[in-house]
Structures are given as C-alpha cells and as structure tokens.
Amino acid sequence: MNVMERKNTDLVKEFNTYIREHPDFADRIPNNAIVIMQLEGDEEFNKWGIKLAKSHAENGRPVIYVRIKKMKPIRSRIEELELQQQVAS
C-alpha cells in the first residue's frame, strides 16, 4: 500500500466514524455514489483522489467529494508503557 492509499484508508475510517456519529449527514450522500476523500491543504493527495474518481466513474453514477477541512491530531490511548532492550547474540 502506497502513501496515498494509506492516507485515503485513514480518512475513510475517520469519515465512517463521523457518519456513525452524524447519520443525518449520510442521508445527503446518494445511494451507489463514489465517495472521494479530499483533504484541505493537501493538493497532491486531492489530485490523486480526483484521478482515482475518474478511473472509477461510471455513466450516471454520482461522484461525491468529501472535503475534510479540519481534523484533530491523532492521540494514543496507551496509558502506560514499558521498554525492554536485549542485545542480539
């Protein structure tokens, strides 16, 4: 999986969580739509997404661009860690 695919996968996961928390937003997306993630400020990723949309486009099928304008930083849920170091022999 390349960098763009990984970023897209992460954004889709976040979008799915958002949709579960805001089901009224999901009602605005037509059935059978192609949903393309866009990230404000990341033009390289956005161009990649548009190219992806064009490669999957079908006549009459709606294409929806979801532009994420702001995201909170990812935070770890780990509360406590321990490190162990060994020397290979």
PDB file of N, CA and C in Angstrom:
ATOM      1  N   MET A   1       0.854  -1.182   0.000  1.00  0.00           N
ATOM      2  CA  MET A   1       0.000   0.000   0.000  1.00  0.00           C
ATOM      3  C   MET A   1       0.895   1.239   0.000  1.00  0.00           C
ATOM      4  N   ASN A   2       0.639   2.143  -0.941  1.00  0.00           N
ATOM      5  CA  ASN A   2       1.479   3.339  -1.007  1.00  0.00           C
ATOM      6  C   ASN A   2       0.968   4.416  -0.043  1.00  0.00           C
ATOM      7  N   VAL A   3       1.675   5.528   0.020  1.00  0.00           N
ATOM      8  CA  VAL A   3       1.367   6.605   0.970  1.00  0.00           C
ATOM      9  C   VAL A   3      -0.035   7.164   0.743  1.00  0.00           C
ATOM     10  N   MET A   4      -0.411   7.382  -0.512  1.00  0.00           N
ATOM     11  CA  MET A   4      -1.732   7.943  -0.808  1.00  0.00           C
ATOM     12  C   MET A   4      -2.840   6.976  -0.417  1.00  0.00           C
ATOM     13  N   GLU A   5      -2.644   5.706  -0.711  1.00  0.00           N
ATOM     14  CA  GLU A   5      -3.637   4.696  -0.340  1.00  0.00           C
ATOM     15  C   GLU A   5      -3.791   4.615   1.172  1.00  0.00           C
ATOM     16  N   ARG A   6      -2.680   4.690   1.885  1.00  0.00           N
ATOM     17  CA  ARG A   6      -2.725   4.629   3.350  1.00  0.00           C
ATOM     18  C   ARG A   6      -3.451   5.848   3.916  1.00  0.00           C
ATOM     19  N   LYS A   7      -3.151   7.029   3.373  1.00  0.00           N
ATOM     20  CA  LYS A   7      -3.813   8.246   3.831  1.00  0.00           C
ATOM     21  C   LYS A   7      -5.317   8.160   3.544  1.00  0.00           C
ATOM     22  N   ASN A   8      -5.665   7.671   2.351  1.00  0.00           N
ATOM     23  CA  ASN A   8      -7.067   7.535   1.978  1.00  0.00           C
ATOM     24  C   ASN A   8      -7.786   6.567   2.921  1.00  0.00           C
ATOM     25  N   THR A   9      -7.143   5.450   3.222  1.00  0.00           N
ATOM     26  CA  THR A   9      -7.728   4.470   4.131  1.00  0.00           C
ATOM     27  C   THR A   9      -7.975   5.089   5.507  1.00  0.00           C
ATOM     28  N   ASP A  10      -7.016   5.845   6.007  1.00  0.00           N
ATOM     29  CA  ASP A  10      -7.176   6.503   7.307  1.00  0.00           C
ATOM     30  C   ASP A  10      -8.335   7.506   7.271  1.00  0.00           C
ATOM     31  N   LEU A  11      -8.425   8.278   6.185  1.00  0.00           N
ATOM     32  CA  LEU A  11      -9.501   9.273   6.075  1.00  0.00           C
ATOM     33  C   LEU A  11     -10.868   8.604   5.949  1.00  0.00           C
ATOM     34  N   VAL A  12     -10.935   7.502   5.219  1.00  0.00           N
ATOM     35  CA  VAL A  12     -12.204   6.776   5.088  1.00  0.00           C
ATOM     36  C   VAL A  12     -12.641   6.237   6.455  1.00  0.00           C
ATOM     37  N   LYS A  13     -11.705   5.736   7.228  1.00  0.00           N
ATOM     38  CA  LYS A  13     -12.045   5.258   8.584  1.00  0.00           C
ATOM     39  C   LYS A  13     -12.607   6.400   9.426  1.00  0.00           C
ATOM     40  N   GLU A  14     -11.951   7.541   9.380  1.00  0.00           N
ATOM     41  CA  GLU A  14     -12.430   8.710  10.133  1.00  0.00           C
ATOM     42  C   GLU A  14     -13.803   9.160   9.636  1.00  0.00           C
ATOM     43  N   PHE A  15     -13.986   9.135   8.326  1.00  0.00           N
ATOM     44  CA  PHE A  15     -15.266   9.532   7.743  1.00  0.00           C
ATOM     45  C   PHE A  15     -16.372   8.568   8.176  1.00  0.00           C
ATOM     46  N   ASN A  16     -16.077   7.283   8.188  1.00  0.00           N
ATOM     47  CA  ASN A  16     -17.071   6.308   8.655  1.00  0.00           C
ATOM     48  C   ASN A  16     -17.466   6.557  10.100  1.00  0.00           C
ATOM     49  N   THR A  17     -16.509   6.887  10.934  1.00  0.00           N
ATOM     50  CA  THR A  17     -16.810   7.222  12.328  1.00  0.00           C
ATOM     51  C   THR A  17     -17.684   8.465  12.389  1.00  0.00           C
ATOM     52  N   TYR A  18     -17.364   9.472  11.591  1.00  0.00           N
ATOM     53  CA  TYR A  18     -18.153  10.708  11.560  1.00  0.00           C
ATOM     54  C   TYR A  18     -19.585  10.413  11.136  1.00  0.00           C
ATOM     55  N   ILE A  19     -19.742   9.582  10.120  1.00  0.00           N
ATOM     56  CA  ILE A  19     -21.080   9.236   9.625  1.00  0.00           C
ATOM     57  C   ILE A  19     -21.894   8.521  10.702  1.00  0.00           C
ATOM     58  N   ARG A  20     -21.252   7.622  11.438  1.00  0.00           N
ATOM     59  CA  ARG A  20     -21.975   6.935  12.533  1.00  0.00           C
ATOM     60  C   ARG A  20     -22.439   7.923  13.592  1.00  0.00           C
ATOM     61  N   GLU A  21     -21.634   8.953  13.837  1.00  0.00           N
ATOM     62  CA  GLU A  21     -21.978   9.948  14.851  1.00  0.00           C
ATOM     63  C   GLU A  21     -22.917  11.026  14.317  1.00  0.00           C
ATOM     64  N   HIS A  22     -23.005  11.188  12.992  1.00  0.00           N
ATOM     65  CA  HIS A  22     -23.857  12.199  12.347  1.00  0.00           C
ATOM     66  C   HIS A  22     -24.636  11.559  11.201  1.00  0.00           C
ATOM     67  N   PRO A  23     -25.581  10.664  11.519  1.00  0.00           N
ATOM     68  CA  PRO A  23     -26.285   9.924  10.457  1.00  0.00           C
ATOM     69  C   PRO A  23     -27.049  10.827   9.488  1.00  0.00           C
ATOM     70  N   ASP A  24     -27.448  12.018   9.919  1.00  0.00           N
ATOM     71  CA  ASP A  24     -28.155  12.934   9.021  1.00  0.00           C
ATOM     72  C   ASP A  24     -27.250  13.373   7.864  1.00  0.00           C
ATOM     73  N   PHE A  25     -25.955  13.420   8.097  1.00  0.00           N
ATOM     74  CA  PHE A  25     -25.005  13.772   7.046  1.00  0.00           C
ATOM     75  C   PHE A  25     -24.991  12.690   5.966  1.00  0.00           C
ATOM     76  N   ALA A  26     -25.065  11.440   6.386  1.00  0.00           N
ATOM     77  CA  ALA A  26     -25.053  10.328   5.439  1.00  0.00           C
ATOM     78  C   ALA A  26     -26.260  10.366   4.515  1.00  0.00           C
ATOM     79  N   ASP A  27     -27.366  10.891   4.987  1.00  0.00           N
ATOM     80  CA  ASP A  27     -28.578  10.977   4.163  1.00  0.00           C
ATOM     81  C   ASP A  27     -28.375  11.861   2.938  1.00  0.00           C
ATOM     82  N   ARG A  28     -27.380  12.717   2.966  1.00  0.00           N
ATOM     83  CA  ARG A  28     -27.115  13.634   1.851  1.00  0.00           C
ATOM     84  C   ARG A  28     -26.285  12.980   0.742  1.00  0.00           C
ATOM     85  N   ILE A  29     -25.810  11.764   0.985  1.00  0.00           N
ATOM     86  CA  ILE A  29     -24.991  11.060   0.004  1.00  0.00           C
ATOM     87  C   ILE A  29     -25.888  10.080  -0.753  1.00  0.00           C
ATOM     88  N   PRO A  30     -25.980  10.235  -2.071  1.00  0.00           N
ATOM     89  CA  PRO A  30     -26.851   9.346  -2.857  1.00  0.00           C
ATOM     90  C   PRO A  30     -26.391   7.889  -2.773  1.00  0.00           C
ATOM     91  N   ASN A  31     -27.342   6.977  -2.868  1.00  0.00           N
ATOM     92  CA  ASN A  31     -27.013   5.553  -2.926  1.00  0.00           C
ATOM     93  C   ASN A  31     -26.135   5.284  -4.140  1.00  0.00           C
ATOM     94  N   ASN A  32     -25.220   4.358  -3.995  1.00  0.00           N
ATOM     95  CA  ASN A  32     -24.346   3.933  -5.077  1.00  0.00           C
ATOM     96  C   ASN A  32     -23.350   5.012  -5.522  1.00  0.00           C
ATOM     97  N   ALA A  33     -23.161   6.035  -4.700  1.00  0.00           N
ATOM     98  CA  ALA A  33     -22.233   7.115  -5.048  1.00  0.00           C
ATOM     99  C   ALA A  33     -20.789   6.657  -4.850  1.00  0.00           C
ATOM    100  N   ILE A  34     -19.916   7.219  -5.645  1.00  0.00           N
ATOM    101  CA  ILE A  34     -18.484   7.067  -5.434  1.00  0.00           C
ATOM    102  C   ILE A  34     -18.081   8.219  -4.528  1.00  0.00           C
ATOM    103  N   VAL A  35     -17.517   7.897  -3.381  1.00  0.00           N
ATOM    104  CA  VAL A  35     -17.128   8.919  -2.405  1.00  0.00           C
ATOM    105  C   VAL A  35     -15.611   9.074  -2.461  1.00  0.00           C
ATOM    106  N   ILE A  36     -15.174  10.297  -2.747  1.00  0.00           N
ATOM    107  CA  ILE A  36     -13.751  10.592  -2.866  1.00  0.00           C
ATOM    108  C   ILE A  36     -13.350  11.543  -1.746  1.00  0.00           C
ATOM    109  N   MET A  37     -12.358  11.131  -0.987  1.00  0.00           N
ATOM    110  CA  MET A  37     -11.878  11.940   0.120  1.00  0.00           C
ATOM    111  C   MET A  37     -10.948  13.027  -0.416  1.00  0.00           C
ATOM    112  N   GLN A  38     -11.087  14.222   0.121  1.00  0.00           N
ATOM    113  CA  GLN A  38     -10.220  15.349  -0.186  1.00  0.00           C
ATOM    114  C   GLN A  38      -9.809  15.964   1.150  1.00  0.00           C
ATOM    115  N   LEU A  39      -8.595  16.451   1.227  1.00  0.00           N
ATOM    116  CA  LEU A  39      -8.067  16.984   2.478  1.00  0.00           C
ATOM    117  C   LEU A  39      -7.565  18.398   2.237  1.00  0.00           C
ATOM    118  N   GLU A  40      -8.195  19.341   2.882  1.00  0.00           N
ATOM    119  CA  GLU A  40      -7.820  20.743   2.688  1.00  0.00           C
ATOM    120  C   GLU A  40      -6.336  20.941   2.975  1.00  0.00           C
ATOM    121  N   GLY A  41      -5.657  21.595   2.032  1.00  0.00           N
ATOM    122  CA  GLY A  41      -4.240  21.884   2.201  1.00  0.00           C
ATOM    123  C   GLY A  41      -3.304  20.814   1.664  1.00  0.00           C
ATOM    124  N   ASP A  42      -3.849  19.719   1.135  1.00  0.00           N
ATOM    125  CA  ASP A  42      -3.003  18.643   0.616  1.00  0.00           C
ATOM    126  C   ASP A  42      -3.340  18.423  -0.855  1.00  0.00           C
ATOM    127  N   GLU A  43      -2.841  19.320  -1.693  1.00  0.00           N
ATOM    128  CA  GLU A  43      -3.202  19.290  -3.108  1.00  0.00           C
ATOM    129  C   GLU A  43      -2.704  18.044  -3.828  1.00  0.00           C
ATOM    130  N   GLU A  44      -1.565  17.508  -3.431  1.00  0.00           N
ATOM    131  CA  GLU A  44      -1.067  16.274  -4.052  1.00  0.00           C
ATOM    132  C   GLU A  44      -2.051  15.131  -3.814  1.00  0.00           C
ATOM    133  N   PHE A  45      -2.498  14.985  -2.570  1.00  0.00           N
ATOM    134  CA  PHE A  45      -3.473  13.940  -2.249  1.00  0.00           C
ATOM    135  C   PHE A  45      -4.789  14.187  -2.982  1.00  0.00           C
ATOM    136  N   ASN A  46      -5.235  15.433  -3.026  1.00  0.00           N
ATOM    137  CA  ASN A  46      -6.502  15.761  -3.675  1.00  0.00           C
ATOM    138  C   ASN A  46      -6.457  15.444  -5.170  1.00  0.00           C
ATOM    139  N   LYS A  47      -5.349  15.731  -5.828  1.00  0.00           N
ATOM    140  CA  LYS A  47      -5.207  15.396  -7.249  1.00  0.00           C
ATOM    141  C   LYS A  47      -5.244  13.885  -7.444  1.00  0.00           C
ATOM    142  N   TRP A  48      -4.597  13.175  -6.544  1.00  0.00           N
ATOM    143  CA  TRP A  48      -4.615  11.716  -6.587  1.00  0.00           C
ATOM    144  C   TRP A  48      -6.052  11.211  -6.448  1.00  0.00           C
ATOM    145  N   GLY A  49      -6.827  11.798  -5.530  1.00  0.00           N
ATOM    146  CA  GLY A  49      -8.217  11.404  -5.328  1.00  0.00           C
ATOM    147  C   GLY A  49      -9.083  11.674  -6.547  1.00  0.00           C
ATOM    148  N   ILE A  50      -8.873  12.805  -7.191  1.00  0.00           N
ATOM    149  CA  ILE A  50      -9.641  13.138  -8.398  1.00  0.00           C
ATOM    150  C   ILE A  50      -9.318  12.142  -9.511  1.00  0.00           C
ATOM    151  N   LYS A  51      -8.043  11.792  -9.649  1.00  0.00           N
ATOM    152  CA  LYS A  51      -7.646  10.803 -10.649  1.00  0.00           C
ATOM    153  C   LYS A  51      -8.297   9.455 -10.341  1.00  0.00           C
ATOM    154  N   LEU A  52      -8.334   9.089  -9.082  1.00  0.00           N
ATOM    155  CA  LEU A  52      -8.979   7.850  -8.651  1.00  0.00           C
ATOM    156  C   LEU A  52     -10.466   7.870  -8.997  1.00  0.00           C
ATOM    157  N   ALA A  53     -11.112   8.999  -8.746  1.00  0.00           N
ATOM    158  CA  ALA A  53     -12.542   9.138  -9.048  1.00  0.00           C
ATOM    159  C   ALA A  53     -12.792   8.944 -10.534  1.00  0.00           C
ATOM    160  N   LYS A  54     -11.966   9.554 -11.368  1.00  0.00           N
ATOM    161  CA  LYS A  54     -12.148   9.436 -12.817  1.00  0.00           C
ATOM    162  C   LYS A  54     -11.965   8.000 -13.287  1.00  0.00           C
ATOM    163  N   SER A  55     -11.067   7.268 -12.637  1.00  0.00           N
ATOM    164  CA  SER A  55     -10.834   5.881 -13.045  1.00  0.00           C
ATOM    165  C   SER A  55     -11.983   4.966 -12.642  1.00  0.00           C
ATOM    166  N   HIS A  56     -12.780   5.373 -11.650  1.00  0.00           N
ATOM    167  CA  HIS A  56     -13.913   4.563 -11.177  1.00  0.00           C
ATOM    168  C   HIS A  56     -15.267   5.095 -11.646  1.00  0.00           C
ATOM    169  N   ALA A  57     -15.259   6.218 -12.332  1.00  0.00           N
ATOM    170  CA  ALA A  57     -16.512   6.845 -12.739  1.00  0.00           C
ATOM    171  C   ALA A  57     -17.271   5.970 -13.737  1.00  0.00           C
ATOM    172  N   GLU A  58     -18.578   5.943 -13.562  1.00  0.00           N
ATOM    173  CA  GLU A  58     -19.462   5.237 -14.478  1.00  0.00           C
ATOM    174  C   GLU A  58     -20.569   6.198 -14.870  1.00  0.00           C
ATOM    175  N   ASN A  59     -21.041   6.092 -16.105  1.00  0.00           N
ATOM    176  CA  ASN A  59     -22.109   6.975 -16.563  1.00  0.00           C
ATOM    177  C   ASN A  59     -23.306   6.928 -15.614  1.00  0.00           C
ATOM    178  N   GLY A  60     -23.745   8.106 -15.207  1.00  0.00           N
ATOM    179  CA  GLY A  60     -24.928   8.221 -14.365  1.00  0.00           C
ATOM    180  C   GLY A  60     -24.689   7.976 -12.884  1.00  0.00           C
ATOM    181  N   ARG A  61     -23.504   7.531 -12.511  1.00  0.00           N
ATOM    182  CA  ARG A  61     -23.218   7.265 -11.100  1.00  0.00           C
ATOM    183  C   ARG A  61     -22.696   8.538 -10.447  1.00  0.00           C
ATOM    184  N   PRO A  62     -23.308   8.956  -9.328  1.00  0.00           N
ATOM    185  CA  PRO A  62     -22.856  10.193  -8.683  1.00  0.00           C
ATOM    186  C   PRO A  62     -21.465  10.040  -8.061  1.00  0.00           C
ATOM    187  N   VAL A  63     -20.692  11.110  -8.150  1.00  0.00           N
ATOM    188  CA  VAL A  63     -19.377  11.175  -7.505  1.00  0.00           C
ATOM    189  C   VAL A  63     -19.458  12.282  -6.460  1.00  0.00           C
ATOM    190  N   ILE A  64     -19.191  11.938  -5.228  1.00  0.00           N
ATOM    191  CA  ILE A  64     -19.259  12.876  -4.117  1.00  0.00           C
ATOM    192  C   ILE A  64     -17.848  13.107  -3.592  1.00  0.00           C
ATOM    193  N   TYR A  65     -17.454  14.364  -3.528  1.00  0.00           N
ATOM    194  CA  TYR A  65     -16.156  14.727  -2.964  1.00  0.00           C
ATOM    195  C   TYR A  65     -16.374  15.202  -1.535  1.00  0.00           C
ATOM    196  N   VAL A  66     -15.758  14.517  -0.607  1.00  0.00           N
ATOM    197  CA  VAL A  66     -15.834  14.894   0.809  1.00  0.00           C
ATOM    198  C   VAL A  66     -14.555  15.651   1.129  1.00  0.00           C
ATOM    199  N   ARG A  67     -14.677  16.946   1.365  1.00  0.00           N
ATOM    200  CA  ARG A  67     -13.509  17.774   1.664  1.00  0.00           C
ATOM    201  C   ARG A  67     -13.403  17.934   3.177  1.00  0.00           C
ATOM    202  N   ILE A  68     -12.392  17.334   3.741  1.00  0.00           N
ATOM    203  CA  ILE A  68     -12.148  17.421   5.179  1.00  0.00           C
ATOM    204  C   ILE A  68     -11.384  18.710   5.418  1.00  0.00           C
ATOM    205  N   LYS A  69     -12.002  19.598   6.177  1.00  0.00           N
ATOM    206  CA  LYS A  69     -11.427  20.927   6.373  1.00  0.00           C
ATOM    207  C   LYS A  69     -10.536  21.006   7.608  1.00  0.00           C
ATOM    208  N   LYS A  70     -10.839  20.178   8.597  1.00  0.00           N
ATOM    209  CA  LYS A  70     -10.076  20.257   9.846  1.00  0.00           C
ATOM    210  C   LYS A  70     -10.179  18.921  10.570  1.00  0.00           C
ATOM    211  N   MET A  71      -9.053  18.457  11.084  1.00  0.00           N
ATOM    212  CA  MET A  71      -9.033  17.222  11.868  1.00  0.00           C
ATOM    213  C   MET A  71      -8.253  17.447  13.151  1.00  0.00           C
ATOM    214  N   LYS A  72      -8.690  16.780  14.181  1.00  0.00           N
ATOM    215  CA  LYS A  72      -7.940  16.805  15.429  1.00  0.00           C
ATOM    216  C   LYS A  72      -6.735  15.885  15.294  1.00  0.00           C
ATOM    217  N   PRO A  73      -5.667  16.169  16.027  1.00  0.00           N
ATOM    218  CA  PRO A  73      -4.494  15.285  15.981  1.00  0.00           C
ATOM    219  C   PRO A  73      -4.827  13.898  16.521  1.00  0.00           C
ATOM    220  N   ILE A  74      -4.160  12.911  15.949  1.00  0.00           N
ATOM    221  CA  ILE A  74      -4.320  11.543  16.442  1.00  0.00           C
ATOM    222  C   ILE A  74      -3.607  11.437  17.776  1.00  0.00           C
ATOM    223  N   ARG A  75      -4.254  10.794  18.711  1.00  0.00           N
ATOM    224  CA  ARG A  75      -3.675  10.623  20.046  1.00  0.00           C
ATOM    225  C   ARG A  75      -3.650   9.152  20.399  1.00  0.00           C
ATOM    226  N   SER A  76      -2.646   8.774  21.097  1.00  0.00           N
ATOM    227  CA  SER A  76      -2.541   7.405  21.561  1.00  0.00           C
ATOM    228  C   SER A  76      -3.449   7.194  22.766  1.00  0.00           C
ATOM    229  N   ARG A  77      -3.993   5.989  22.869  1.00  0.00           N
ATOM    230  CA  ARG A  77      -4.802   5.645  24.036  1.00  0.00           C
ATOM    231  C   ARG A  77      -3.980   4.864  25.066  1.00  0.00           C
ATOM    232  N   ILE A  78      -2.703   4.666  24.794  1.00  0.00           N
ATOM    233  CA  ILE A  78      -1.835   3.938  25.723  1.00  0.00           C
ATOM    234  C   ILE A  78      -1.663   4.773  26.979  1.00  0.00           C
ATOM    235  N   GLU A  79      -1.865   4.135  28.115  1.00  0.00           N
ATOM    236  CA  GLU A  79      -1.720   4.839  29.386  1.00  0.00           C
ATOM    237  C   GLU A  79      -0.398   4.549  30.068  1.00  0.00           C
ATOM    238  N   GLU A  80       0.192   3.405  29.769  1.00  0.00           N
ATOM    239  CA  GLU A  80       1.444   3.050  30.429  1.00  0.00           C
ATOM    240  C   GLU A  80       2.245   2.132  29.508  1.00  0.00           C
ATOM    241  N   LEU A  81       3.552   2.354  29.469  1.00  0.00           N
ATOM    242  CA  LEU A  81       4.445   1.553  28.632  1.00  0.00           C
ATOM    243  C   LEU A  81       5.631   1.055  29.430  1.00  0.00           C
ATOM    244  N   GLU A  82       6.228   0.004  28.917  1.00  0.00           N
ATOM    245  CA  GLU A  82       7.487  -0.480  29.455  1.00  0.00           C
ATOM    246  C   GLU A  82       8.327  -0.925  28.273  1.00  0.00           C
ATOM    247  N   LEU A  83       9.596  -0.554  28.259  1.00  0.00           N
ATOM    248  CA  LEU A  83      10.508  -0.978  27.207  1.00  0.00           C
ATOM    249  C   LEU A  83      11.503  -1.985  27.759  1.00  0.00           C
ATOM    250  N   GLN A  84      11.837  -2.955  26.947  1.00  0.00           N
ATOM    251  CA  GLN A  84      12.868  -3.905  27.293  1.00  0.00           C
ATOM    252  C   GLN A  84      13.853  -3.944  26.134  1.00  0.00           C
ATOM    253  N   GLN A  85      15.111  -3.947  26.452  1.00  0.00           N
ATOM    254  CA  GLN A  85      16.129  -3.990  25.417  1.00  0.00           C
ATOM    255  C   GLN A  85      16.962  -5.237  25.590  1.00  0.00           C
ATOM    256  N   GLN A  86      17.257  -5.880  24.489  1.00  0.00           N
ATOM    257  CA  GLN A  86      18.118  -7.053  24.505  1.00  0.00           C
ATOM    258  C   GLN A  86      19.223  -6.844  23.464  1.00  0.00           C
ATOM    259  N   VAL A  87      20.306  -7.505  23.682  1.00  0.00           N
ATOM    260  CA  VAL A  87      21.396  -7.473  22.714  1.00  0.00           C
ATOM    261  C   VAL A  87      21.380  -8.805  21.970  1.00  0.00           C
ATOM    262  N   ALA A  88      21.331  -8.706  20.655  1.00  0.00           N
ATOM    263  CA  ALA A  88      21.299  -9.922  19.855  1.00  0.00           C
ATOM    264  C   ALA A  88      22.633 -10.665  20.013  1.00  0.00           C
ATOM    265  N   SER A  89      22.560 -11.968  20.058  1.00  0.00           N
ATOM    266  CA  SER A  89      23.794 -12.747  20.191  1.00  0.00           C
ATOM    267  C   SER A  89      23.982 -13.669  19.016  1.00  0.00           C
TER     268      SER A  89
END
